[in-house]
Amino acid sequence: SLLLAGKVGNGKSHLAYAGAMDRIAAGHGLMVLDEKALQSGLMADFWSPEYTEARARIVRAAEATMLLWDDMAFQPARHKGDRQAEVAMPDRLVSEIAHLVEQRYSHQRPMLITTNASPEGLARRLGDAVAGRILEMCEQRIEFVGYDWRRTAAEDG
């Protein structure tokens, strides 16, 4: 498994999706899991279609041969002064993510993960055990540094 980490707008998702397209073009299976959509669905009412679909996505993601998990430990923007305030992830959401990570870990199914969180941030958002499993699974970690190319493009253009 591979972890692509770094600040917003450094190209992690762009690179991950390019790799995913190459894998699909080569005839290999791959599932994409967008954590923003997953969080939204899992936080809906238990009996809603959104929640049911999110749960079904987790089952498919656990069983997928290869998983591209985009924006793991996503944190909605909430600003406190000039700094982004960290918000605790709801227990219900952490529990679902922990289950998915454990399923992939126990069956040794690879993942390509993008995240804005540092290893410490993953531990704060998901707990030490889940973050530890993720970091153990990801033999390779690439840290993206630099400027936010989306913001720069918007300012230039």
Protein backbone atom coordinates (compact mmCIF):
# COMPACT_ATOMS: atom_id res chain seq x y z
CA SER A 1 0.00 0.00 0.00
CA LEU A 2 1.04 3.60 -0.58
CA LEU A 3 0.20 6.76 1.36
CA LEU A 4 0.30 10.15 -0.38
CA ALA A 5 0.23 12.86 2.30
CA GLY A 6 0.54 16.62 2.29
CA LYS A 7 -1.25 19.91 2.36
CA VAL A 8 -4.27 20.82 0.27
CA GLY A 9 -3.70 21.42 -3.43
CA ASN A 10 -0.31 19.71 -3.80
CA GLY A 11 -1.50 17.17 -6.40
CA LYS A 12 -1.99 14.02 -4.30
CA SER A 13 -5.43 13.16 -5.67
CA HIS A 14 -4.42 14.16 -9.19
CA LEU A 15 -1.50 11.72 -9.12
CA ALA A 16 -3.56 8.97 -7.44
CA TYR A 17 -6.34 9.20 -10.04
CA ALA A 18 -3.76 9.14 -12.86
CA GLY A 19 -2.35 5.94 -11.37
CA ALA A 20 -5.86 4.53 -11.05
CA MET A 21 -6.57 5.22 -14.72
CA ASP A 22 -3.35 3.42 -15.70
CA ARG A 23 -4.37 0.41 -13.59
CA ILE A 24 -7.85 0.32 -15.16
CA ALA A 25 -6.37 0.72 -18.67
CA ALA A 26 -4.13 -2.29 -17.96
CA GLY A 27 -7.25 -4.35 -17.18
CA HIS A 28 -6.92 -4.44 -13.40
CA GLY A 29 -9.78 -3.84 -10.98
CA LEU A 30 -9.89 -0.83 -8.71
CA MET A 31 -12.47 0.85 -6.49
CA VAL A 32 -12.42 4.55 -5.64
CA LEU A 33 -13.65 5.60 -2.21
CA ASP A 34 -14.10 9.34 -1.70
CA GLU A 35 -14.06 9.95 2.03
CA LYS A 36 -16.01 13.22 1.78
CA ALA A 37 -18.97 11.38 0.20
CA LEU A 38 -18.53 8.47 2.62
CA GLN A 39 -18.64 10.75 5.66
CA SER A 40 -21.72 12.51 4.36
CA GLY A 41 -23.56 9.22 3.84
CA LEU A 42 -22.53 7.66 7.14
CA MET A 43 -23.65 10.70 9.09
CA ALA A 44 -27.13 10.60 7.53
CA ASP A 45 -30.06 9.02 9.38
CA PHE A 46 -29.66 5.24 9.87
CA TRP A 47 -32.66 4.38 7.69
CA SER A 48 -31.95 6.86 4.89
CA PRO A 49 -30.91 5.79 1.38
CA GLU A 50 -27.68 7.80 1.81
CA TYR A 51 -26.68 5.78 4.88
CA THR A 52 -27.60 2.48 3.21
CA GLU A 53 -25.50 3.35 0.15
CA ALA A 54 -22.53 4.43 2.32
CA ARG A 55 -22.66 1.10 4.20
CA ALA A 56 -22.79 -0.77 0.88
CA ARG A 57 -19.73 1.22 -0.31
CA ILE A 58 -17.83 0.12 2.80
CA VAL A 59 -18.64 -3.54 2.11
CA ARG A 60 -17.49 -3.18 -1.52
CA ALA A 61 -14.37 -1.28 -0.44
CA ALA A 62 -13.46 -4.00 2.06
CA GLU A 63 -13.62 -6.63 -0.68
CA ALA A 64 -12.09 -4.68 -3.58
CA THR A 65 -8.85 -6.06 -4.99
CA MET A 66 -7.33 -2.56 -4.97
CA LEU A 67 -8.72 0.54 -3.27
CA LEU A 68 -8.00 4.20 -3.97
CA TRP A 69 -9.08 5.95 -0.75
CA ASP A 70 -9.15 9.66 -1.48
CA ASP A 71 -8.99 12.24 1.33
CA MET A 72 -8.70 9.75 4.21
CA ALA A 73 -9.47 11.42 7.56
CA PHE A 74 -10.98 14.36 5.69
CA GLN A 75 -11.76 17.30 7.93
CA PRO A 76 -14.29 19.89 6.83
CA ALA A 77 -12.90 23.42 6.95
CA ARG A 78 -13.73 25.12 10.23
CA HIS A 79 -11.63 28.15 10.96
CA LYS A 80 -10.79 29.54 14.34
CA GLY A 81 -9.08 32.86 13.87
CA ASP A 82 -6.41 32.46 11.23
CA ARG A 83 -5.84 28.74 11.89
CA GLN A 84 -7.99 25.80 10.88
CA ALA A 85 -9.56 24.28 13.99
CA GLU A 86 -9.38 20.49 14.24
CA VAL A 87 -12.74 18.85 14.78
CA ALA A 88 -13.13 15.42 16.36
CA MET A 89 -14.48 12.77 14.03
CA PRO A 90 -17.77 11.28 15.33
CA ASP A 91 -17.44 7.83 16.98
CA ARG A 92 -19.89 6.30 14.51
CA LEU A 93 -17.71 7.37 11.61
CA VAL A 94 -14.45 6.26 13.26
CA SER A 95 -15.99 2.86 13.98
CA GLU A 96 -16.94 2.33 10.32
CA ILE A 97 -13.52 3.45 9.08
CA ALA A 98 -11.78 1.23 11.65
CA HIS A 99 -13.80 -1.76 10.48
CA LEU A 100 -12.89 -1.11 6.85
CA VAL A 101 -9.18 -0.68 7.65
CA GLU A 102 -9.19 -3.88 9.73
CA GLN A 103 -10.87 -5.86 6.93
CA ARG A 104 -8.33 -4.70 4.36
CA TYR A 105 -5.46 -5.29 6.81
CA SER A 106 -6.50 -8.82 7.74
CA HIS A 107 -6.93 -9.84 4.09
CA GLN A 108 -3.75 -8.00 2.98
CA ARG A 109 -5.59 -5.98 0.33
CA PRO A 110 -3.58 -3.00 -0.94
CA MET A 111 -4.67 0.63 -0.85
CA LEU A 112 -3.55 3.86 -2.42
CA ILE A 113 -4.44 6.53 0.15
CA THR A 114 -4.42 10.30 -0.15
CA THR A 115 -4.68 12.47 2.95
CA ASN A 116 -4.03 15.97 4.20
CA ALA A 117 -3.31 14.55 7.66
CA SER A 118 0.11 13.90 9.13
CA PRO A 119 0.64 10.59 10.97
CA GLU A 120 -0.16 12.44 14.19
CA GLY A 121 -3.25 13.94 12.58
CA LEU A 122 -4.42 10.48 11.47
CA ALA A 123 -4.02 9.29 15.08
CA ARG A 124 -5.98 12.28 16.42
CA ARG A 125 -8.78 11.83 13.88
CA LEU A 126 -8.99 8.01 13.75
CA GLY A 127 -7.32 6.83 16.95
CA ASP A 128 -3.88 5.33 17.52
CA ALA A 129 -4.87 1.76 16.61
CA VAL A 130 -6.41 2.63 13.23
CA ALA A 131 -3.62 5.06 12.34
CA GLY A 132 -1.06 2.44 13.34
CA ARG A 133 -2.65 -0.15 11.04
CA ILE A 134 -2.72 2.31 8.15
CA LEU A 135 0.92 3.29 8.60
CA GLU A 136 1.94 -0.36 8.94
CA MET A 137 0.11 -1.26 5.72
CA CYS A 138 1.66 1.63 3.80
CA GLU A 139 5.24 0.48 3.38
CA GLN A 140 5.83 3.60 1.32
CA ARG A 141 4.79 7.13 2.19
CA ILE A 142 5.27 10.12 -0.06
CA GLU A 143 5.06 13.57 1.51
CA PHE A 144 3.89 16.30 -0.87
CA VAL A 145 5.23 19.77 -0.12
CA GLY A 146 4.89 23.08 -1.83
CA TYR A 147 2.16 25.50 -2.71
CA ASP A 148 -1.54 25.01 -3.36
CA TRP A 149 -1.59 24.89 -7.17
CA ARG A 150 -5.40 25.32 -7.32
CA ARG A 151 -5.26 28.55 -5.33
CA THR A 152 -2.30 29.79 -7.37
CA ALA A 153 -4.10 29.00 -10.65
CA ALA A 154 -7.21 30.85 -9.44
CA GLU A 155 -5.16 33.90 -8.44
CA ASP A 156 -3.33 33.90 -11.78
CA GLY A 157 -6.35 33.50 -13.78
